[in-house]
């Protein structure tokens, strides 16, 4: 059995097709760094990571991970 020949560019050189790099598999735009823009966010009272709440939010502030874990604990406590 013979191995498949590499794809050839229209010029005959064994280069990848132009859309192989710029098309479907190309990386998308990167997300903005955390804390970029918007109001200052409150810290989680358990792990001190930024939460989805502004600093002016009253009460206990939890990050999404700690909020999920707390919901699991209270749901199973009967």
PDB file of N, CA and C in Angstrom:
ATOM      1  N   UNK A   1       0.837  -1.180   0.000  1.00  0.00           N
ATOM      2  CA  UNK A   1       0.000   0.000   0.000  1.00  0.00           C
ATOM      3  C   UNK A   1       0.878   1.239   0.000  1.00  0.00           C
ATOM      4  N   UNK A   2       0.435   2.236  -0.700  1.00  0.00           N
ATOM      5  CA  UNK A   2       1.171   3.489  -0.786  1.00  0.00           C
ATOM      6  C   UNK A   2       0.523   4.522   0.124  1.00  0.00           C
ATOM      7  N   UNK A   3       1.371   5.356   0.718  1.00  0.00           N
ATOM      8  CA  UNK A   3       0.860   6.454   1.543  1.00  0.00           C
ATOM      9  C   UNK A   3       0.269   7.516   0.630  1.00  0.00           C
ATOM     10  N   UNK A   4      -0.725   8.195   1.119  1.00  0.00           N
ATOM     11  CA  UNK A   4      -1.360   9.246   0.329  1.00  0.00           C
ATOM     12  C   UNK A   4      -0.374  10.383   0.107  1.00  0.00           C
ATOM     13  N   UNK A   5      -0.368  10.916  -1.078  1.00  0.00           N
ATOM     14  CA  UNK A   5       0.526  12.023  -1.414  1.00  0.00           C
ATOM     15  C   UNK A   5       0.025  13.295  -0.735  1.00  0.00           C
ATOM     16  N   UNK A   6       0.949  14.159  -0.300  1.00  0.00           N
ATOM     17  CA  UNK A   6       0.507  15.408   0.331  1.00  0.00           C
ATOM     18  C   UNK A   6      -0.233  16.279  -0.666  1.00  0.00           C
ATOM     19  N   UNK A   7      -1.149  17.059  -0.167  1.00  0.00           N
ATOM     20  CA  UNK A   7      -1.915  17.964  -1.025  1.00  0.00           C
ATOM     21  C   UNK A   7      -0.971  18.976  -1.642  1.00  0.00           C
ATOM     22  N   UNK A   8      -1.221  19.292  -2.880  1.00  0.00           N
ATOM     23  CA  UNK A   8      -0.356  20.246  -3.577  1.00  0.00           C
ATOM     24  C   UNK A   8      -1.113  21.525  -3.845  1.00  0.00           C
ATOM     25  N   UNK A   9      -0.397  22.614  -3.723  1.00  0.00           N
ATOM     26  CA  UNK A   9      -0.928  23.939  -4.012  1.00  0.00           C
ATOM     27  C   UNK A   9      -1.100  24.059  -5.516  1.00  0.00           C
ATOM     28  N   UNK A  10      -1.876  25.015  -5.970  1.00  0.00           N
ATOM     29  CA  UNK A  10      -2.119  25.200  -7.404  1.00  0.00           C
ATOM     30  C   UNK A  10      -0.815  25.373  -8.174  1.00  0.00           C
ATOM     31  N   UNK A  11       0.221  25.901  -7.525  1.00  0.00           N
ATOM     32  CA  UNK A  11       1.502  26.092  -8.195  1.00  0.00           C
ATOM     33  C   UNK A  11       2.274  24.793  -8.316  1.00  0.00           C
ATOM     34  N   UNK A  12       1.793  23.728  -7.662  1.00  0.00           N
ATOM     35  CA  UNK A  12       2.464  22.439  -7.722  1.00  0.00           C
ATOM     36  C   UNK A  12       3.339  22.169  -6.517  1.00  0.00           C
ATOM     37  N   UNK A  13       3.535  23.147  -5.647  1.00  0.00           N
ATOM     38  CA  UNK A  13       4.355  22.938  -4.463  1.00  0.00           C
ATOM     39  C   UNK A  13       3.533  22.237  -3.390  1.00  0.00           C
ATOM     40  N   UNK A  14       4.185  21.434  -2.544  1.00  0.00           N
ATOM     41  CA  UNK A  14       3.446  20.674  -1.522  1.00  0.00           C
ATOM     42  C   UNK A  14       3.072  21.511  -0.308  1.00  0.00           C
ATOM     43  N   UNK A  15       2.505  22.661  -0.515  1.00  0.00           N
ATOM     44  CA  UNK A  15       2.073  23.522   0.586  1.00  0.00           C
ATOM     45  C   UNK A  15       0.643  23.179   0.979  1.00  0.00           C
ATOM     46  N   UNK A  16       0.278  23.545   2.175  1.00  0.00           N
ATOM     47  CA  UNK A  16      -1.105  23.355   2.620  1.00  0.00           C
ATOM     48  C   UNK A  16      -2.002  24.326   1.867  1.00  0.00           C
ATOM     49  N   UNK A  17      -3.222  23.935   1.681  1.00  0.00           N
ATOM     50  CA  UNK A  17      -4.185  24.816   1.030  1.00  0.00           C
ATOM     51  C   UNK A  17      -4.335  26.077   1.877  1.00  0.00           C
ATOM     52  N   UNK A  18      -4.541  27.248   1.277  1.00  0.00           N
ATOM     53  CA  UNK A  18      -4.617  28.497   2.048  1.00  0.00           C
ATOM     54  C   UNK A  18      -5.709  28.493   3.100  1.00  0.00           C
ATOM     55  N   UNK A  19      -6.842  27.855   2.827  1.00  0.00           N
ATOM     56  CA  UNK A  19      -7.934  27.871   3.801  1.00  0.00           C
ATOM     57  C   UNK A  19      -7.698  26.908   4.955  1.00  0.00           C
ATOM     58  N   UNK A  20      -6.687  26.040   4.870  1.00  0.00           N
ATOM     59  CA  UNK A  20      -6.398  25.121   5.966  1.00  0.00           C
ATOM     60  C   UNK A  20      -5.899  25.885   7.190  1.00  0.00           C
ATOM     61  N   UNK A  21      -5.247  27.005   6.975  1.00  0.00           N
ATOM     62  CA  UNK A  21      -4.728  27.799   8.087  1.00  0.00           C
ATOM     63  C   UNK A  21      -5.710  28.894   8.467  1.00  0.00           C
ATOM     64  N   UNK A  22      -6.295  29.554   7.476  1.00  0.00           N
ATOM     65  CA  UNK A  22      -7.145  30.708   7.730  1.00  0.00           C
ATOM     66  C   UNK A  22      -8.617  30.360   7.884  1.00  0.00           C
ATOM     67  N   UNK A  23      -9.001  29.139   7.666  1.00  0.00           N
ATOM     68  CA  UNK A  23     -10.412  28.779   7.649  1.00  0.00           C
ATOM     69  C   UNK A  23     -10.938  28.272   8.971  1.00  0.00           C
ATOM     70  N   UNK A  24     -11.527  27.118   8.936  1.00  0.00           N
ATOM     71  CA  UNK A  24     -12.266  26.546  10.053  1.00  0.00           C
ATOM     72  C   UNK A  24     -11.416  26.375  11.311  1.00  0.00           C
ATOM     73  N   UNK A  25     -10.187  25.978  11.169  1.00  0.00           N
ATOM     74  CA  UNK A  25      -9.351  25.667  12.329  1.00  0.00           C
ATOM     75  C   UNK A  25      -8.593  26.866  12.885  1.00  0.00           C
ATOM     76  N   UNK A  26      -8.745  28.007  12.278  1.00  0.00           N
ATOM     77  CA  UNK A  26      -8.039  29.191  12.763  1.00  0.00           C
ATOM     78  C   UNK A  26      -8.566  29.576  14.139  1.00  0.00           C
ATOM     79  N   UNK A  27      -7.674  30.009  15.045  1.00  0.00           N
ATOM     80  CA  UNK A  27      -8.142  30.400  16.381  1.00  0.00           C
ATOM     81  C   UNK A  27      -9.030  31.631  16.316  1.00  0.00           C
ATOM     82  N   UNK A  28     -10.021  31.658  17.167  1.00  0.00           N
ATOM     83  CA  UNK A  28     -10.943  32.787  17.227  1.00  0.00           C
ATOM     84  C   UNK A  28     -10.340  33.935  18.003  1.00  0.00           C
ATOM     85  N   UNK A  29     -11.075  35.016  18.131  1.00  0.00           N
ATOM     86  CA  UNK A  29     -10.565  36.154  18.898  1.00  0.00           C
ATOM     87  C   UNK A  29     -10.437  35.777  20.369  1.00  0.00           C
ATOM     88  N   UNK A  30      -9.409  36.287  21.004  1.00  0.00           N
ATOM     89  CA  UNK A  30      -9.207  35.959  22.411  1.00  0.00           C
ATOM     90  C   UNK A  30     -10.149  36.785  23.279  1.00  0.00           C
ATOM     91  N   UNK A  31     -10.495  36.231  24.420  1.00  0.00           N
ATOM     92  CA  UNK A  31     -11.382  36.917  25.361  1.00  0.00           C
ATOM     93  C   UNK A  31     -10.608  38.043  26.040  1.00  0.00           C
ATOM     94  N   UNK A  32     -11.289  39.115  26.425  1.00  0.00           N
ATOM     95  CA  UNK A  32     -10.588  40.189  27.130  1.00  0.00           C
ATOM     96  C   UNK A  32     -10.091  39.685  28.478  1.00  0.00           C
ATOM     97  N   UNK A  33      -8.986  40.216  28.967  1.00  0.00           N
ATOM     98  CA  UNK A  33      -8.473  39.761  30.253  1.00  0.00           C
ATOM     99  C   UNK A  33      -9.463  40.057  31.371  1.00  0.00           C
ATOM    100  N   UNK A  34      -9.485  39.212  32.416  1.00  0.00           N
ATOM    101  CA  UNK A  34     -10.414  39.455  33.517  1.00  0.00           C
ATOM    102  C   UNK A  34     -10.158  40.817  34.144  1.00  0.00           C
ATOM    103  N   UNK A  35     -11.221  41.483  34.477  1.00  0.00           N
ATOM    104  CA  UNK A  35     -11.118  42.790  35.103  1.00  0.00           C
ATOM    105  C   UNK A  35     -10.966  43.925  34.111  1.00  0.00           C
ATOM    106  N   UNK A  36     -11.024  43.614  32.823  1.00  0.00           N
ATOM    107  CA  UNK A  36     -10.885  44.672  31.822  1.00  0.00           C
ATOM    108  C   UNK A  36     -12.228  45.353  31.632  1.00  0.00           C
ATOM    109  N   UNK A  37     -12.324  46.593  32.013  1.00  0.00           N
ATOM    110  CA  UNK A  37     -13.557  47.350  31.846  1.00  0.00           C
ATOM    111  C   UNK A  37     -14.600  46.991  32.884  1.00  0.00           C
ATOM    112  N   UNK A  38     -15.624  47.787  32.974  1.00  0.00           N
ATOM    113  CA  UNK A  38     -16.711  47.522  33.906  1.00  0.00           C
ATOM    114  C   UNK A  38     -16.379  47.969  35.313  1.00  0.00           C
ATOM    115  N   UNK A  39     -17.355  47.846  36.202  1.00  0.00           N
ATOM    116  CA  UNK A  39     -17.138  48.271  37.584  1.00  0.00           C
ATOM    117  C   UNK A  39     -16.225  47.292  38.311  1.00  0.00           C
ATOM    118  N   UNK A  40     -15.635  47.709  39.423  1.00  0.00           N
ATOM    119  CA  UNK A  40     -14.846  46.757  40.208  1.00  0.00           C
ATOM    120  C   UNK A  40     -15.771  45.699  40.808  1.00  0.00           C
ATOM    121  N   UNK A  41     -15.334  44.455  40.754  1.00  0.00           N
ATOM    122  CA  UNK A  41     -16.165  43.355  41.225  1.00  0.00           C
ATOM    123  C   UNK A  41     -15.786  42.965  42.650  1.00  0.00           C
ATOM    124  N   UNK A  42     -16.791  42.507  43.399  1.00  0.00           N
ATOM    125  CA  UNK A  42     -16.580  42.076  44.778  1.00  0.00           C
ATOM    126  C   UNK A  42     -15.814  40.758  44.794  1.00  0.00           C
ATOM    127  N   UNK A  43     -15.078  40.519  45.883  1.00  0.00           N
ATOM    128  CA  UNK A  43     -14.359  39.260  46.048  1.00  0.00           C
ATOM    129  C   UNK A  43     -15.280  38.209  46.633  1.00  0.00           C
ATOM    130  N   UNK A  44     -15.033  36.957  46.266  1.00  0.00           N
ATOM    131  CA  UNK A  44     -15.750  35.832  46.865  1.00  0.00           C
ATOM    132  C   UNK A  44     -15.323  35.737  48.326  1.00  0.00           C
ATOM    133  N   UNK A  45     -16.264  35.539  49.228  1.00  0.00           N
ATOM    134  CA  UNK A  45     -15.936  35.478  50.654  1.00  0.00           C
ATOM    135  C   UNK A  45     -15.243  34.171  51.029  1.00  0.00           C
ATOM    136  N   UNK A  46     -15.288  33.168  50.146  1.00  0.00           N
ATOM    137  CA  UNK A  46     -14.646  31.891  50.445  1.00  0.00           C
ATOM    138  C   UNK A  46     -13.260  31.763  49.818  1.00  0.00           C
ATOM    139  N   UNK A  47     -13.134  32.101  48.531  1.00  0.00           N
ATOM    140  CA  UNK A  47     -11.855  31.890  47.842  1.00  0.00           C
ATOM    141  C   UNK A  47     -11.181  33.184  47.391  1.00  0.00           C
ATOM    142  N   UNK A  48     -11.830  34.326  47.560  1.00  0.00           N
ATOM    143  CA  UNK A  48     -11.312  35.654  47.236  1.00  0.00           C
ATOM    144  C   UNK A  48     -11.121  35.906  45.739  1.00  0.00           C
ATOM    145  N   UNK A  49     -11.714  35.086  44.880  1.00  0.00           N
ATOM    146  CA  UNK A  49     -11.682  35.344  43.438  1.00  0.00           C
ATOM    147  C   UNK A  49     -12.761  36.370  43.114  1.00  0.00           C
ATOM    148  N   UNK A  50     -12.644  37.083  41.979  1.00  0.00           N
ATOM    149  CA  UNK A  50     -13.681  38.056  41.616  1.00  0.00           C
ATOM    150  C   UNK A  50     -15.018  37.376  41.352  1.00  0.00           C
ATOM    151  N   UNK A  51     -16.087  38.029  41.737  1.00  0.00           N
ATOM    152  CA  UNK A  51     -17.431  37.495  41.520  1.00  0.00           C
ATOM    153  C   UNK A  51     -18.087  38.218  40.356  1.00  0.00           C
ATOM    154  N   UNK A  52     -19.334  37.896  40.101  1.00  0.00           N
ATOM    155  CA  UNK A  52     -20.111  38.563  39.055  1.00  0.00           C
ATOM    156  C   UNK A  52     -20.819  39.797  39.597  1.00  0.00           C
ATOM    157  N   UNK A  53     -20.644  40.076  40.879  1.00  0.00           N
ATOM    158  CA  UNK A  53     -21.354  41.166  41.535  1.00  0.00           C
ATOM    159  C   UNK A  53     -20.451  42.383  41.703  1.00  0.00           C
ATOM    160  N   UNK A  54     -21.007  43.597  41.615  1.00  0.00           N
ATOM    161  CA  UNK A  54     -20.191  44.790  41.859  1.00  0.00           C
ATOM    162  C   UNK A  54     -19.820  44.883  43.340  1.00  0.00           C
ATOM    163  N   UNK A  55     -18.810  45.678  43.643  1.00  0.00           N
ATOM    164  CA  UNK A  55     -18.385  45.840  45.041  1.00  0.00           C
ATOM    165  C   UNK A  55     -19.486  46.412  45.914  1.00  0.00           C
ATOM    166  N   UNK A  56     -20.435  47.125  45.325  1.00  0.00           N
ATOM    167  CA  UNK A  56     -21.514  47.739  46.099  1.00  0.00           C
ATOM    168  C   UNK A  56     -22.608  46.739  46.475  1.00  0.00           C
ATOM    169  N   UNK A  57     -22.527  45.485  46.020  1.00  0.00           N
ATOM    170  CA  UNK A  57     -23.545  44.463  46.306  1.00  0.00           C
ATOM    171  C   UNK A  57     -23.552  44.140  47.798  1.00  0.00           C
ATOM    172  N   UNK A  58     -24.731  44.132  48.393  1.00  0.00           N
ATOM    173  CA  UNK A  58     -24.871  43.842  49.819  1.00  0.00           C
ATOM    174  C   UNK A  58     -25.019  42.338  50.031  1.00  0.00           C
ATOM    175  N   UNK A  59     -24.528  41.859  51.149  1.00  0.00           N
ATOM    176  CA  UNK A  59     -24.676  40.450  51.501  1.00  0.00           C
ATOM    177  C   UNK A  59     -23.453  39.630  51.122  1.00  0.00           C
ATOM    178  N   UNK A  60     -23.591  38.315  51.237  1.00  0.00           N
ATOM    179  CA  UNK A  60     -22.494  37.399  50.934  1.00  0.00           C
ATOM    180  C   UNK A  60     -22.321  37.309  49.425  1.00  0.00           C
ATOM    181  N   UNK A  61     -21.090  37.499  48.958  1.00  0.00           N
ATOM    182  CA  UNK A  61     -20.813  37.381  47.527  1.00  0.00           C
ATOM    183  C   UNK A  61     -19.953  36.146  47.297  1.00  0.00           C
ATOM    184  N   UNK A  62     -20.388  35.308  46.378  1.00  0.00           N
ATOM    185  CA  UNK A  62     -19.663  34.088  46.038  1.00  0.00           C
ATOM    186  C   UNK A  62     -19.344  34.083  44.551  1.00  0.00           C
ATOM    187  N   UNK A  63     -18.180  33.524  44.197  1.00  0.00           N
ATOM    188  CA  UNK A  63     -17.842  33.360  42.788  1.00  0.00           C
ATOM    189  C   UNK A  63     -18.724  32.239  42.226  1.00  0.00           C
ATOM    190  N   UNK A  64     -18.813  32.087  40.909  1.00  0.00           N
ATOM    191  CA  UNK A  64     -19.679  31.048  40.340  1.00  0.00           C
ATOM    192  C   UNK A  64     -19.357  29.638  40.835  1.00  0.00           C
ATOM    193  N   UNK A  65     -18.079  29.320  41.034  1.00  0.00           N
ATOM    194  CA  UNK A  65     -17.705  27.974  41.490  1.00  0.00           C
ATOM    195  C   UNK A  65     -18.183  27.745  42.920  1.00  0.00           C
ATOM    196  N   UNK A  66     -17.895  28.678  43.819  1.00  0.00           N
ATOM    197  CA  UNK A  66     -18.315  28.525  45.218  1.00  0.00           C
ATOM    198  C   UNK A  66     -19.834  28.566  45.339  1.00  0.00           C
ATOM    199  N   UNK A  67     -20.487  29.385  44.506  1.00  0.00           N
ATOM    200  CA  UNK A  67     -21.949  29.449  44.520  1.00  0.00           C
ATOM    201  C   UNK A  67     -22.547  28.100  44.127  1.00  0.00           C
ATOM    202  N   UNK A  68     -21.969  27.457  43.117  1.00  0.00           N
ATOM    203  CA  UNK A  68     -22.438  26.139  42.674  1.00  0.00           C
ATOM    204  C   UNK A  68     -22.230  25.098  43.774  1.00  0.00           C
ATOM    205  N   UNK A  69     -21.059  25.110  44.404  1.00  0.00           N
ATOM    206  CA  UNK A  69     -20.777  24.147  45.467  1.00  0.00           C
ATOM    207  C   UNK A  69     -21.701  24.356  46.662  1.00  0.00           C
ATOM    208  N   UNK A  70     -21.980  25.601  46.995  1.00  0.00           N
ATOM    209  CA  UNK A  70     -22.898  25.897  48.105  1.00  0.00           C
ATOM    210  C   UNK A  70     -24.304  25.413  47.780  1.00  0.00           C
ATOM    211  N   UNK A  71     -24.735  25.576  46.534  1.00  0.00           N
ATOM    212  CA  UNK A  71     -26.058  25.102  46.121  1.00  0.00           C
ATOM    213  C   UNK A  71     -26.135  23.583  46.217  1.00  0.00           C
ATOM    214  N   UNK A  72     -25.059  22.884  45.871  1.00  0.00           N
ATOM    215  CA  UNK A  72     -25.049  21.423  45.990  1.00  0.00           C
ATOM    216  C   UNK A  72     -25.142  20.996  47.448  1.00  0.00           C
ATOM    217  N   UNK A  73     -24.410  21.681  48.323  1.00  0.00           N
ATOM    218  CA  UNK A  73     -24.447  21.324  49.745  1.00  0.00           C
ATOM    219  C   UNK A  73     -25.837  21.523  50.336  1.00  0.00           C
ATOM    220  N   UNK A  74     -26.477  22.647  50.019  1.00  0.00           N
ATOM    221  CA  UNK A  74     -27.792  22.914  50.603  1.00  0.00           C
ATOM    222  C   UNK A  74     -28.866  22.025  49.989  1.00  0.00           C
ATOM    223  N   UNK A  75     -28.720  21.626  48.732  1.00  0.00           N
ATOM    224  CA  UNK A  75     -29.714  20.756  48.095  1.00  0.00           C
ATOM    225  C   UNK A  75     -29.688  19.360  48.702  1.00  0.00           C
ATOM    226  N   UNK A  76     -28.530  18.907  49.129  1.00  0.00           N
ATOM    227  CA  UNK A  76     -28.402  17.550  49.665  1.00  0.00           C
ATOM    228  C   UNK A  76     -28.553  17.493  51.180  1.00  0.00           C
ATOM    229  N   UNK A  77     -28.733  18.632  51.831  1.00  0.00           N
ATOM    230  CA  UNK A  77     -28.792  18.624  53.289  1.00  0.00           C
ATOM    231  C   UNK A  77     -30.172  18.256  53.817  1.00  0.00           C
ATOM    232  N   UNK A  78     -31.137  18.122  52.921  1.00  0.00           N
ATOM    233  CA  UNK A  78     -32.450  17.622  53.269  1.00  0.00           C
ATOM    234  C   UNK A  78     -33.300  18.562  53.972  1.00  0.00           C
TER     235      UNK A  78
END
